[in-house]
Amino acid sequence: MPARGIGEEGLPMIGYVEDKDALLKRLRRAEGQVRGIQRMIEDDTYCIDVLTQVSAATKALENVALSLLEDHLSHCVAEATREGGVIADEKLREASDAIARLVRS
C-alpha cells in the first residue's frame, strides 16, 4: 500500500494544487484577522467587538477547511475509489473522519 497522500504511481495525491494560491491568500487574510484580534485585546476593545472579529476569523478558516475537503473528495477520494481496494477504503475513512472533526469543531 502506498504511503499516505501518495498514489499508486508514486506521485503525490494533492487535490488542492490548483487552488493553492487562493488558499494561501485566504490563510493570510485569516492570519491578519487573528493579529487584529490580538491588537483589540491589547487595546482593551469592547468584548462584543472582539467576539465579532473572532467569528469572522473562524468563518474564514472554516471556508479554507471546506475548500480543502471539497478538493480532497473530488481528487484524492475520487482517484482512490477508481483504484478500489484498501486504498479506497482508507481514503473514504480519512474523509469521513475529517468531516466528523469539522462538524464537531
PDB file of N, CA and C in Angstrom:
ATOM      1  N   MET A   1       0.853  -1.177   0.000  1.00  0.00           N
ATOM      2  CA  MET A   1       0.000   0.000   0.000  1.00  0.00           C
ATOM      3  C   MET A   1       0.894   1.234   0.000  1.00  0.00           C
ATOM      4  N   PRO A   2       0.628   2.235  -0.838  1.00  0.00           N
ATOM      5  CA  PRO A   2       1.439   3.448  -0.899  1.00  0.00           C
ATOM      6  C   PRO A   2       1.298   4.253   0.382  1.00  0.00           C
ATOM      7  N   ALA A   3       2.287   5.106   0.623  1.00  0.00           N
ATOM      8  CA  ALA A   3       2.254   5.989   1.789  1.00  0.00           C
ATOM      9  C   ALA A   3       1.085   6.959   1.681  1.00  0.00           C
ATOM     10  N   ARG A   4       0.686   7.477   2.813  1.00  0.00           N
ATOM     11  CA  ARG A   4      -0.426   8.429   2.872  1.00  0.00           C
ATOM     12  C   ARG A   4      -0.167   9.595   1.922  1.00  0.00           C
ATOM     13  N   GLY A   5      -1.169   9.905   1.085  1.00  0.00           N
ATOM     14  CA  GLY A   5      -1.031  11.013   0.149  1.00  0.00           C
ATOM     15  C   GLY A   5      -0.250  10.680  -1.107  1.00  0.00           C
ATOM     16  N   ILE A   6       0.143   9.415  -1.264  1.00  0.00           N
ATOM     17  CA  ILE A   6       0.909   9.001  -2.439  1.00  0.00           C
ATOM     18  C   ILE A   6       0.062   8.025  -3.244  1.00  0.00           C
ATOM     19  N   GLY A   7      -0.057   8.286  -4.537  1.00  0.00           N
ATOM     20  CA  GLY A   7      -0.835   7.425  -5.408  1.00  0.00           C
ATOM     21  C   GLY A   7      -0.064   6.174  -5.805  1.00  0.00           C
ATOM     22  N   GLU A   8      -0.737   5.306  -6.514  1.00  0.00           N
ATOM     23  CA  GLU A   8      -0.134   4.046  -6.955  1.00  0.00           C
ATOM     24  C   GLU A   8       1.137   4.274  -7.775  1.00  0.00           C
ATOM     25  N   GLU A   9       1.161   5.340  -8.561  1.00  0.00           N
ATOM     26  CA  GLU A   9       2.311   5.608  -9.427  1.00  0.00           C
ATOM     27  C   GLU A   9       3.448   6.274  -8.669  1.00  0.00           C
ATOM     28  N   GLY A  10       3.298   6.468  -7.347  1.00  0.00           N
ATOM     29  CA  GLY A  10       4.325   7.125  -6.552  1.00  0.00           C
ATOM     30  C   GLY A  10       4.262   8.639  -6.617  1.00  0.00           C
ATOM     31  N   LEU A  11       3.242   9.170  -7.302  1.00  0.00           N
ATOM     32  CA  LEU A  11       3.083  10.621  -7.406  1.00  0.00           C
ATOM     33  C   LEU A  11       2.201  11.126  -6.281  1.00  0.00           C
ATOM     34  N   PRO A  12       2.462  12.341  -5.813  1.00  0.00           N
ATOM     35  CA  PRO A  12       1.646  12.882  -4.725  1.00  0.00           C
ATOM     36  C   PRO A  12       0.183  13.031  -5.134  1.00  0.00           C
ATOM     37  N   MET A  13      -0.694  12.730  -4.185  1.00  0.00           N
ATOM     38  CA  MET A  13      -2.128  12.933  -4.393  1.00  0.00           C
ATOM     39  C   MET A  13      -2.519  14.180  -3.605  1.00  0.00           C
ATOM     40  N   ILE A  14      -2.359  15.335  -4.195  1.00  0.00           N
ATOM     41  CA  ILE A  14      -2.686  16.586  -3.531  1.00  0.00           C
ATOM     42  C   ILE A  14      -3.752  17.271  -4.361  1.00  0.00           C
ATOM     43  N   GLY A  15      -4.975  17.309  -3.839  1.00  0.00           N
ATOM     44  CA  GLY A  15      -6.097  17.829  -4.597  1.00  0.00           C
ATOM     45  C   GLY A  15      -6.150  19.334  -4.689  1.00  0.00           C
ATOM     46  N   TYR A  16      -5.483  20.026  -3.774  1.00  0.00           N
ATOM     47  CA  TYR A  16      -5.618  21.481  -3.728  1.00  0.00           C
ATOM     48  C   TYR A  16      -4.576  22.238  -4.539  1.00  0.00           C
ATOM     49  N   VAL A  17      -3.751  21.538  -5.297  1.00  0.00           N
ATOM     50  CA  VAL A  17      -2.663  22.170  -6.044  1.00  0.00           C
ATOM     51  C   VAL A  17      -3.167  23.333  -6.904  1.00  0.00           C
ATOM     52  N   GLU A  18      -4.275  23.132  -7.604  1.00  0.00           N
ATOM     53  CA  GLU A  18      -4.788  24.186  -8.486  1.00  0.00           C
ATOM     54  C   GLU A  18      -5.336  25.377  -7.704  1.00  0.00           C
ATOM     55  N   ASP A  19      -5.723  25.161  -6.435  1.00  0.00           N
ATOM     56  CA  ASP A  19      -6.288  26.227  -5.614  1.00  0.00           C
ATOM     57  C   ASP A  19      -5.298  26.753  -4.577  1.00  0.00           C
ATOM     58  N   LYS A  20      -4.050  26.343  -4.678  1.00  0.00           N
ATOM     59  CA  LYS A  20      -3.059  26.671  -3.649  1.00  0.00           C
ATOM     60  C   LYS A  20      -2.939  28.178  -3.417  1.00  0.00           C
ATOM     61  N   ASP A  21      -2.831  28.965  -4.477  1.00  0.00           N
ATOM     62  CA  ASP A  21      -2.682  30.415  -4.317  1.00  0.00           C
ATOM     63  C   ASP A  21      -3.895  31.021  -3.616  1.00  0.00           C
ATOM     64  N   ALA A  22      -5.085  30.589  -3.990  1.00  0.00           N
ATOM     65  CA  ALA A  22      -6.302  31.107  -3.362  1.00  0.00           C
ATOM     66  C   ALA A  22      -6.361  30.703  -1.894  1.00  0.00           C
ATOM     67  N   LEU A  23      -5.965  29.466  -1.585  1.00  0.00           N
ATOM     68  CA  LEU A  23      -5.953  29.012  -0.194  1.00  0.00           C
ATOM     69  C   LEU A  23      -4.954  29.815   0.630  1.00  0.00           C
ATOM     70  N   LEU A  24      -3.776  30.035   0.082  1.00  0.00           N
ATOM     71  CA  LEU A  24      -2.775  30.818   0.800  1.00  0.00           C
ATOM     72  C   LEU A  24      -3.255  32.251   1.037  1.00  0.00           C
ATOM     73  N   LYS A  25      -3.934  32.815   0.058  1.00  0.00           N
ATOM     74  CA  LYS A  25      -4.474  34.165   0.206  1.00  0.00           C
ATOM     75  C   LYS A  25      -5.508  34.198   1.335  1.00  0.00           C
ATOM     76  N   ARG A  26      -6.390  33.204   1.372  1.00  0.00           N
ATOM     77  CA  ARG A  26      -7.397  33.124   2.436  1.00  0.00           C
ATOM     78  C   ARG A  26      -6.738  32.969   3.807  1.00  0.00           C
ATOM     79  N   LEU A  27      -5.689  32.143   3.864  1.00  0.00           N
ATOM     80  CA  LEU A  27      -4.996  31.928   5.131  1.00  0.00           C
ATOM     81  C   LEU A  27      -4.269  33.185   5.599  1.00  0.00           C
ATOM     82  N   ARG A  28      -3.684  33.918   4.680  1.00  0.00           N
ATOM     83  CA  ARG A  28      -3.034  35.184   5.055  1.00  0.00           C
ATOM     84  C   ARG A  28      -4.062  36.182   5.582  1.00  0.00           C
ATOM     85  N   ARG A  29      -5.234  36.192   4.960  1.00  0.00           N
ATOM     86  CA  ARG A  29      -6.307  37.070   5.419  1.00  0.00           C
ATOM     87  C   ARG A  29      -6.746  36.674   6.834  1.00  0.00           C
ATOM     88  N   ALA A  30      -6.912  35.381   7.071  1.00  0.00           N
ATOM     89  CA  ALA A  30      -7.296  34.900   8.400  1.00  0.00           C
ATOM     90  C   ALA A  30      -6.205  35.227   9.423  1.00  0.00           C
ATOM     91  N   GLU A  31      -4.963  35.079   9.011  1.00  0.00           N
ATOM     92  CA  GLU A  31      -3.848  35.422   9.899  1.00  0.00           C
ATOM     93  C   GLU A  31      -3.905  36.899  10.280  1.00  0.00           C
ATOM     94  N   GLY A  32      -4.203  37.748   9.309  1.00  0.00           N
ATOM     95  CA  GLY A  32      -4.345  39.179   9.583  1.00  0.00           C
ATOM     96  C   GLY A  32      -5.493  39.446  10.542  1.00  0.00           C
ATOM     97  N   GLN A  33      -6.582  38.707  10.383  1.00  0.00           N
ATOM     98  CA  GLN A  33      -7.723  38.864  11.284  1.00  0.00           C
ATOM     99  C   GLN A  33      -7.336  38.482  12.713  1.00  0.00           C
ATOM    100  N   VAL A  34      -6.595  37.402  12.871  1.00  0.00           N
ATOM    101  CA  VAL A  34      -6.178  36.961  14.202  1.00  0.00           C
ATOM    102  C   VAL A  34      -5.234  37.990  14.821  1.00  0.00           C
ATOM    103  N   ARG A  35      -4.331  38.506  14.041  1.00  0.00           N
ATOM    104  CA  ARG A  35      -3.441  39.565  14.563  1.00  0.00           C
ATOM    105  C   ARG A  35      -4.252  40.789  14.974  1.00  0.00           C
ATOM    106  N   GLY A  36      -5.277  41.111  14.206  1.00  0.00           N
ATOM    107  CA  GLY A  36      -6.153  42.223  14.571  1.00  0.00           C
ATOM    108  C   GLY A  36      -6.865  41.958  15.890  1.00  0.00           C
ATOM    109  N   ILE A  37      -7.267  40.712  16.101  1.00  0.00           N
ATOM    110  CA  ILE A  37      -7.916  40.343  17.362  1.00  0.00           C
ATOM    111  C   ILE A  37      -6.936  40.520  18.522  1.00  0.00           C
ATOM    112  N   GLN A  38      -5.691  40.120  18.306  1.00  0.00           N
ATOM    113  CA  GLN A  38      -4.677  40.311  19.347  1.00  0.00           C
ATOM    114  C   GLN A  38      -4.543  41.791  19.710  1.00  0.00           C
ATOM    115  N   ARG A  39      -4.500  42.640  18.697  1.00  0.00           N
ATOM    116  CA  ARG A  39      -4.393  44.085  18.950  1.00  0.00           C
ATOM    117  C   ARG A  39      -5.618  44.599  19.697  1.00  0.00           C
ATOM    118  N   MET A  40      -6.793  44.080  19.324  1.00  0.00           N
ATOM    119  CA  MET A  40      -8.018  44.502  20.000  1.00  0.00           C
ATOM    120  C   MET A  40      -7.956  44.157  21.491  1.00  0.00           C
ATOM    121  N   ILE A  41      -7.466  42.971  21.809  1.00  0.00           N
ATOM    122  CA  ILE A  41      -7.334  42.571  23.211  1.00  0.00           C
ATOM    123  C   ILE A  41      -6.311  43.469  23.920  1.00  0.00           C
ATOM    124  N   GLU A  42      -5.175  43.692  23.257  1.00  0.00           N
ATOM    125  CA  GLU A  42      -4.152  44.575  23.840  1.00  0.00           C
ATOM    126  C   GLU A  42      -4.699  45.965  24.110  1.00  0.00           C
ATOM    127  N   ASP A  43      -5.603  46.435  23.234  1.00  0.00           N
ATOM    128  CA  ASP A  43      -6.167  47.784  23.351  1.00  0.00           C
ATOM    129  C   ASP A  43      -7.437  47.825  24.193  1.00  0.00           C
ATOM    130  N   ASP A  44      -7.775  46.698  24.838  1.00  0.00           N
ATOM    131  CA  ASP A  44      -8.969  46.622  25.690  1.00  0.00           C
ATOM    132  C   ASP A  44     -10.251  46.979  24.943  1.00  0.00           C
ATOM    133  N   THR A  45     -10.391  46.438  23.742  1.00  0.00           N
ATOM    134  CA  THR A  45     -11.576  46.682  22.925  1.00  0.00           C
ATOM    135  C   THR A  45     -12.784  45.981  23.546  1.00  0.00           C
ATOM    136  N   TYR A  46     -13.943  46.559  23.337  1.00  0.00           N
ATOM    137  CA  TYR A  46     -15.203  46.036  23.860  1.00  0.00           C
ATOM    138  C   TYR A  46     -15.383  44.572  23.460  1.00  0.00           C
ATOM    139  N   CYS A  47     -15.824  43.752  24.424  1.00  0.00           N
ATOM    140  CA  CYS A  47     -15.924  42.295  24.251  1.00  0.00           C
ATOM    141  C   CYS A  47     -16.684  41.888  22.989  1.00  0.00           C
ATOM    142  N   ILE A  48     -17.837  42.481  22.764  1.00  0.00           N
ATOM    143  CA  ILE A  48     -18.674  42.097  21.625  1.00  0.00           C
ATOM    144  C   ILE A  48     -17.967  42.376  20.311  1.00  0.00           C
ATOM    145  N   ASP A  49     -17.226  43.461  20.237  1.00  0.00           N
ATOM    146  CA  ASP A  49     -16.472  43.768  19.021  1.00  0.00           C
ATOM    147  C   ASP A  49     -15.387  42.719  18.776  1.00  0.00           C
ATOM    148  N   VAL A  50     -14.728  42.277  19.847  1.00  0.00           N
ATOM    149  CA  VAL A  50     -13.711  41.228  19.717  1.00  0.00           C
ATOM    150  C   VAL A  50     -14.366  39.928  19.269  1.00  0.00           C
ATOM    151  N   LEU A  51     -15.477  39.579  19.890  1.00  0.00           N
ATOM    152  CA  LEU A  51     -16.181  38.353  19.520  1.00  0.00           C
ATOM    153  C   LEU A  51     -16.632  38.366  18.064  1.00  0.00           C
ATOM    154  N   THR A  52     -17.039  39.522  17.580  1.00  0.00           N
ATOM    155  CA  THR A  52     -17.432  39.650  16.172  1.00  0.00           C
ATOM    156  C   THR A  52     -16.260  39.314  15.262  1.00  0.00           C
ATOM    157  N   GLN A  53     -15.081  39.794  15.625  1.00  0.00           N
ATOM    158  CA  GLN A  53     -13.890  39.510  14.810  1.00  0.00           C
ATOM    159  C   GLN A  53     -13.448  38.057  14.945  1.00  0.00           C
ATOM    160  N   VAL A  54     -13.610  37.474  16.124  1.00  0.00           N
ATOM    161  CA  VAL A  54     -13.306  36.046  16.304  1.00  0.00           C
ATOM    162  C   VAL A  54     -14.212  35.215  15.394  1.00  0.00           C
ATOM    163  N   SER A  55     -15.483  35.591  15.338  1.00  0.00           N
ATOM    164  CA  SER A  55     -16.428  34.892  14.475  1.00  0.00           C
ATOM    165  C   SER A  55     -16.006  34.988  13.010  1.00  0.00           C
ATOM    166  N   ALA A  56     -15.565  36.161  12.585  1.00  0.00           N
ATOM    167  CA  ALA A  56     -15.131  36.351  11.195  1.00  0.00           C
ATOM    168  C   ALA A  56     -13.891  35.509  10.891  1.00  0.00           C
ATOM    169  N   ALA A  57     -12.934  35.457  11.821  1.00  0.00           N
ATOM    170  CA  ALA A  57     -11.721  34.665  11.614  1.00  0.00           C
ATOM    171  C   ALA A  57     -12.067  33.172  11.570  1.00  0.00           C
ATOM    172  N   THR A  58     -12.978  32.760  12.434  1.00  0.00           N
ATOM    173  CA  THR A  58     -13.415  31.366  12.453  1.00  0.00           C
ATOM    174  C   THR A  58     -14.065  30.997  11.126  1.00  0.00           C
ATOM    175  N   LYS A  59     -14.913  31.864  10.625  1.00  0.00           N
ATOM    176  CA  LYS A  59     -15.593  31.623   9.345  1.00  0.00           C
ATOM    177  C   LYS A  59     -14.574  31.519   8.209  1.00  0.00           C
ATOM    178  N   ALA A  60     -13.556  32.373   8.242  1.00  0.00           N
ATOM    179  CA  ALA A  60     -12.520  32.336   7.209  1.00  0.00           C
ATOM    180  C   ALA A  60     -11.799  30.991   7.213  1.00  0.00           C
ATOM    181  N   LEU A  61     -11.467  30.482   8.398  1.00  0.00           N
ATOM    182  CA  LEU A  61     -10.800  29.181   8.487  1.00  0.00           C
ATOM    183  C   LEU A  61     -11.738  28.045   8.096  1.00  0.00           C
ATOM    184  N   GLU A  62     -13.011  28.161   8.438  1.00  0.00           N
ATOM    185  CA  GLU A  62     -13.984  27.152   8.016  1.00  0.00           C
ATOM    186  C   GLU A  62     -14.063  27.092   6.497  1.00  0.00           C
ATOM    187  N   ASN A  63     -14.014  28.245   5.842  1.00  0.00           N
ATOM    188  CA  ASN A  63     -14.047  28.269   4.371  1.00  0.00           C
ATOM    189  C   ASN A  63     -12.822  27.591   3.775  1.00  0.00           C
ATOM    190  N   VAL A  64     -11.658  27.778   4.393  1.00  0.00           N
ATOM    191  CA  VAL A  64     -10.448  27.093   3.936  1.00  0.00           C
ATOM    192  C   VAL A  64     -10.634  25.584   4.100  1.00  0.00           C
ATOM    193  N   ALA A  65     -11.146  25.180   5.259  1.00  0.00           N
ATOM    194  CA  ALA A  65     -11.342  23.753   5.525  1.00  0.00           C
ATOM    195  C   ALA A  65     -12.317  23.134   4.525  1.00  0.00           C
ATOM    196  N   LEU A  66     -13.410  23.815   4.244  1.00  0.00           N
ATOM    197  CA  LEU A  66     -14.390  23.287   3.293  1.00  0.00           C
ATOM    198  C   LEU A  66     -13.818  23.186   1.885  1.00  0.00           C
ATOM    199  N   SER A  67     -13.009  24.156   1.510  1.00  0.00           N
ATOM    200  CA  SER A  67     -12.369  24.113   0.200  1.00  0.00           C
ATOM    201  C   SER A  67     -11.407  22.926   0.112  1.00  0.00           C
ATOM    202  N   LEU A  68     -10.617  22.716   1.166  1.00  0.00           N
ATOM    203  CA  LEU A  68      -9.705  21.576   1.189  1.00  0.00           C
ATOM    204  C   LEU A  68     -10.470  20.256   1.156  1.00  0.00           C
ATOM    205  N   LEU A  69     -11.560  20.192   1.891  1.00  0.00           N
ATOM    206  CA  LEU A  69     -12.369  18.974   1.911  1.00  0.00           C
ATOM    207  C   LEU A  69     -12.957  18.687   0.535  1.00  0.00           C
ATOM    208  N   GLU A  70     -13.475  19.715  -0.099  1.00  0.00           N
ATOM    209  CA  GLU A  70     -14.033  19.549  -1.443  1.00  0.00           C
ATOM    210  C   GLU A  70     -12.969  19.046  -2.417  1.00  0.00           C
ATOM    211  N   ASP A  71     -11.776  19.651  -2.351  1.00  0.00           N
ATOM    212  CA  ASP A  71     -10.685  19.204  -3.219  1.00  0.00           C
ATOM    213  C   ASP A  71     -10.284  17.768  -2.907  1.00  0.00           C
ATOM    214  N   HIS A  72     -10.253  17.426  -1.618  1.00  0.00           N
ATOM    215  CA  HIS A  72      -9.876  16.058  -1.229  1.00  0.00           C
ATOM    216  C   HIS A  72     -10.878  15.052  -1.783  1.00  0.00           C
ATOM    217  N   LEU A  73     -12.160  15.370  -1.652  1.00  0.00           N
ATOM    218  CA  LEU A  73     -13.191  14.449  -2.139  1.00  0.00           C
ATOM    219  C   LEU A  73     -13.151  14.315  -3.657  1.00  0.00           C
ATOM    220  N   SER A  74     -13.018  15.435  -4.346  1.00  0.00           N
ATOM    221  CA  SER A  74     -13.098  15.391  -5.810  1.00  0.00           C
ATOM    222  C   SER A  74     -11.806  14.901  -6.463  1.00  0.00           C
ATOM    223  N   HIS A  75     -10.712  14.940  -5.738  1.00  0.00           N
ATOM    224  CA  HIS A  75      -9.452  14.489  -6.322  1.00  0.00           C
ATOM    225  C   HIS A  75      -8.966  13.201  -5.654  1.00  0.00           C
ATOM    226  N   CYS A  76      -8.555  13.294  -4.411  1.00  0.00           N
ATOM    227  CA  CYS A  76      -7.926  12.161  -3.727  1.00  0.00           C
ATOM    228  C   CYS A  76      -8.886  10.984  -3.549  1.00  0.00           C
ATOM    229  N   VAL A  77     -10.073  11.260  -3.037  1.00  0.00           N
ATOM    230  CA  VAL A  77     -11.028  10.179  -2.786  1.00  0.00           C
ATOM    231  C   VAL A  77     -11.542   9.613  -4.105  1.00  0.00           C
ATOM    232  N   ALA A  78     -11.840  10.490  -5.055  1.00  0.00           N
ATOM    233  CA  ALA A  78     -12.326  10.012  -6.357  1.00  0.00           C
ATOM    234  C   ALA A  78     -11.292   9.117  -7.034  1.00  0.00           C
ATOM    235  N   GLU A  79     -10.027   9.522  -6.991  1.00  0.00           N
ATOM    236  CA  GLU A  79      -8.955   8.713  -7.594  1.00  0.00           C
ATOM    237  C   GLU A  79      -8.826   7.373  -6.878  1.00  0.00           C
ATOM    238  N   ALA A  80      -8.886   7.407  -5.564  1.00  0.00           N
ATOM    239  CA  ALA A  80      -8.758   6.168  -4.794  1.00  0.00           C
ATOM    240  C   ALA A  80      -9.925   5.217  -5.059  1.00  0.00           C
ATOM    241  N   THR A  81     -11.123   5.767  -5.214  1.00  0.00           N
ATOM    242  CA  THR A  81     -12.269   4.886  -5.475  1.00  0.00           C
ATOM    243  C   THR A  81     -12.169   4.256  -6.863  1.00  0.00           C
ATOM    244  N   ARG A  82     -11.555   4.958  -7.796  1.00  0.00           N
ATOM    245  CA  ARG A  82     -11.325   4.359  -9.120  1.00  0.00           C
ATOM    246  C   ARG A  82     -10.363   3.173  -9.000  1.00  0.00           C
ATOM    247  N   GLU A  83      -9.364   3.299  -8.101  1.00  0.00           N
ATOM    248  CA  GLU A  83      -8.395   2.215  -7.901  1.00  0.00           C
ATOM    249  C   GLU A  83      -9.014   1.072  -7.108  1.00  0.00           C
ATOM    250  N   GLY A  84      -9.909   1.426  -6.170  1.00  0.00           N
ATOM    251  CA  GLY A  84     -10.584   0.414  -5.363  1.00  0.00           C
ATOM    252  C   GLY A  84      -9.708  -0.179  -4.278  1.00  0.00           C
ATOM    253  N   GLY A  85     -10.238  -1.184  -3.644  1.00  0.00           N
ATOM    254  CA  GLY A  85      -9.487  -1.930  -2.643  1.00  0.00           C
ATOM    255  C   GLY A  85      -9.196  -1.167  -1.365  1.00  0.00           C
ATOM    256  N   VAL A  86      -8.072  -1.506  -0.766  1.00  0.00           N
ATOM    257  CA  VAL A  86      -7.667  -0.955   0.529  1.00  0.00           C
ATOM    258  C   VAL A  86      -7.468   0.562   0.443  1.00  0.00           C
ATOM    259  N   ILE A  87      -6.914   1.038  -0.654  1.00  0.00           N
ATOM    260  CA  ILE A  87      -6.671   2.477  -0.814  1.00  0.00           C
ATOM    261  C   ILE A  87      -7.990   3.235  -0.776  1.00  0.00           C
ATOM    262  N   ALA A  88      -8.981   2.740  -1.466  1.00  0.00           N
ATOM    263  CA  ALA A  88     -10.297   3.391  -1.469  1.00  0.00           C
ATOM    264  C   ALA A  88     -10.883   3.405  -0.068  1.00  0.00           C
ATOM    265  N   ASP A  89     -10.783   2.276   0.618  1.00  0.00           N
ATOM    266  CA  ASP A  89     -11.302   2.213   1.988  1.00  0.00           C
ATOM    267  C   ASP A  89     -10.601   3.217   2.889  1.00  0.00           C
ATOM    268  N   GLU A  90      -9.285   3.334   2.764  1.00  0.00           N
ATOM    269  CA  GLU A  90      -8.512   4.267   3.583  1.00  0.00           C
ATOM    270  C   GLU A  90      -8.919   5.718   3.310  1.00  0.00           C
ATOM    271  N   LYS A  91      -9.026   6.066   2.036  1.00  0.00           N
ATOM    272  CA  LYS A  91      -9.382   7.449   1.680  1.00  0.00           C
ATOM    273  C   LYS A  91     -10.798   7.791   2.120  1.00  0.00           C
ATOM    274  N   LEU A  92     -11.715   6.858   1.995  1.00  0.00           N
ATOM    275  CA  LEU A  92     -13.080   7.103   2.457  1.00  0.00           C
ATOM    276  C   LEU A  92     -13.118   7.277   3.972  1.00  0.00           C
ATOM    277  N   ARG A  93     -12.344   6.466   4.695  1.00  0.00           N
ATOM    278  CA  ARG A  93     -12.276   6.590   6.152  1.00  0.00           C
ATOM    279  C   ARG A  93     -11.653   7.934   6.547  1.00  0.00           C
ATOM    280  N   GLU A  94     -10.580   8.335   5.863  1.00  0.00           N
ATOM    281  CA  GLU A  94      -9.957   9.638   6.124  1.00  0.00           C
ATOM    282  C   GLU A  94     -10.954  10.769   5.919  1.00  0.00           C
ATOM    283  N   ALA A  95     -11.691  10.711   4.817  1.00  0.00           N
ATOM    284  CA  ALA A  95     -12.667  11.764   4.515  1.00  0.00           C
ATOM    285  C   ALA A  95     -13.767  11.795   5.566  1.00  0.00           C
ATOM    286  N   SER A  96     -14.246  10.634   5.949  1.00  0.00           N
ATOM    287  CA  SER A  96     -15.286  10.555   6.967  1.00  0.00           C
ATOM    288  C   SER A  96     -14.794  11.120   8.293  1.00  0.00           C
ATOM    289  N   ASP A  97     -13.578  10.779   8.676  1.00  0.00           N
ATOM    290  CA  ASP A  97     -13.001  11.305   9.918  1.00  0.00           C
ATOM    291  C   ASP A  97     -12.824  12.819   9.851  1.00  0.00           C
ATOM    292  N   ALA A  98     -12.382  13.319   8.703  1.00  0.00           N
ATOM    293  CA  ALA A  98     -12.195  14.768   8.543  1.00  0.00           C
ATOM    294  C   ALA A  98     -13.532  15.501   8.644  1.00  0.00           C
ATOM    295  N   ILE A  99     -14.556  14.948   8.027  1.00  0.00           N
ATOM    296  CA  ILE A  99     -15.886  15.560   8.105  1.00  0.00           C
ATOM    297  C   ILE A  99     -16.363  15.560   9.551  1.00  0.00           C
ATOM    298  N   ALA A 100     -16.158  14.474  10.263  1.00  0.00           N
ATOM    299  CA  ALA A 100     -16.565  14.400  11.668  1.00  0.00           C
ATOM    300  C   ALA A 100     -15.844  15.459  12.499  1.00  0.00           C
ATOM    301  N   ARG A 101     -14.537  15.650  12.263  1.00  0.00           N
ATOM    302  CA  ARG A 101     -13.789  16.669  13.002  1.00  0.00           C
ATOM    303  C   ARG A 101     -14.330  18.067  12.700  1.00  0.00           C
ATOM    304  N   LEU A 102     -14.645  18.330  11.436  1.00  0.00           N
ATOM    305  CA  LEU A 102     -15.181  19.640  11.068  1.00  0.00           C
ATOM    306  C   LEU A 102     -16.540  19.897  11.699  1.00  0.00           C
ATOM    307  N   VAL A 103     -17.367  18.881  11.739  1.00  0.00           N
ATOM    308  CA  VAL A 103     -18.702  19.026  12.308  1.00  0.00           C
ATOM    309  C   VAL A 103     -18.624  19.287  13.813  1.00  0.00           C
ATOM    310  N   ARG A 104     -17.686  18.616  14.480  1.00  0.00           N
ATOM    311  CA  ARG A 104     -17.523  18.775  15.929  1.00  0.00           C
ATOM    312  C   ARG A 104     -16.913  20.116  16.309  1.00  0.00           C
ATOM    313  N   SER A 105     -16.146  20.713  15.401  1.00  0.00           N
ATOM    314  CA  SER A 105     -15.444  21.953  15.767  1.00  0.00           C
ATOM    315  C   SER A 105     -16.336  23.164  15.737  1.00  0.00           C
TER     316      SER A 105
END
